[in-house]
């Protein structure tokens, strides 16, 4: 999925949930604009990594945002083993706690996350 499409999903989910600010480590999304917290400068969605998008989508925590976050997490190709592993763990925990999905949906998503985790373990 392209970064532009993911950012559109983020903006739409924020509008639906009536969220005007999403704060994630290192940056904030305020009314469809992204700001670096260190410099307070506006940045482009192209400056974000896919793992950043996944964390933003997890933070929004709607069914659609979680589906997209899980999709990114399972397809992510990352050279940072620990960071990817932490993302997958957060996905597992959020999936376990959420009421957005039926049990069968949760099981299928868990399987995908587990496969991705196993592939990551095998890679490193």
Foldseek 3Di string as FASTA:
>chain_A
DDLVVLLVVLLVLCVVVVNQWQDDPQWIHGNSWIAGPVVRDTDDSVVDDLLVSLVSLVRSDALVSLVVSLVSLLPPDDPDLVSSLVSLVSNLVSLVPDPNDDPVVSVVSVVSSVVSNVVSVVVD
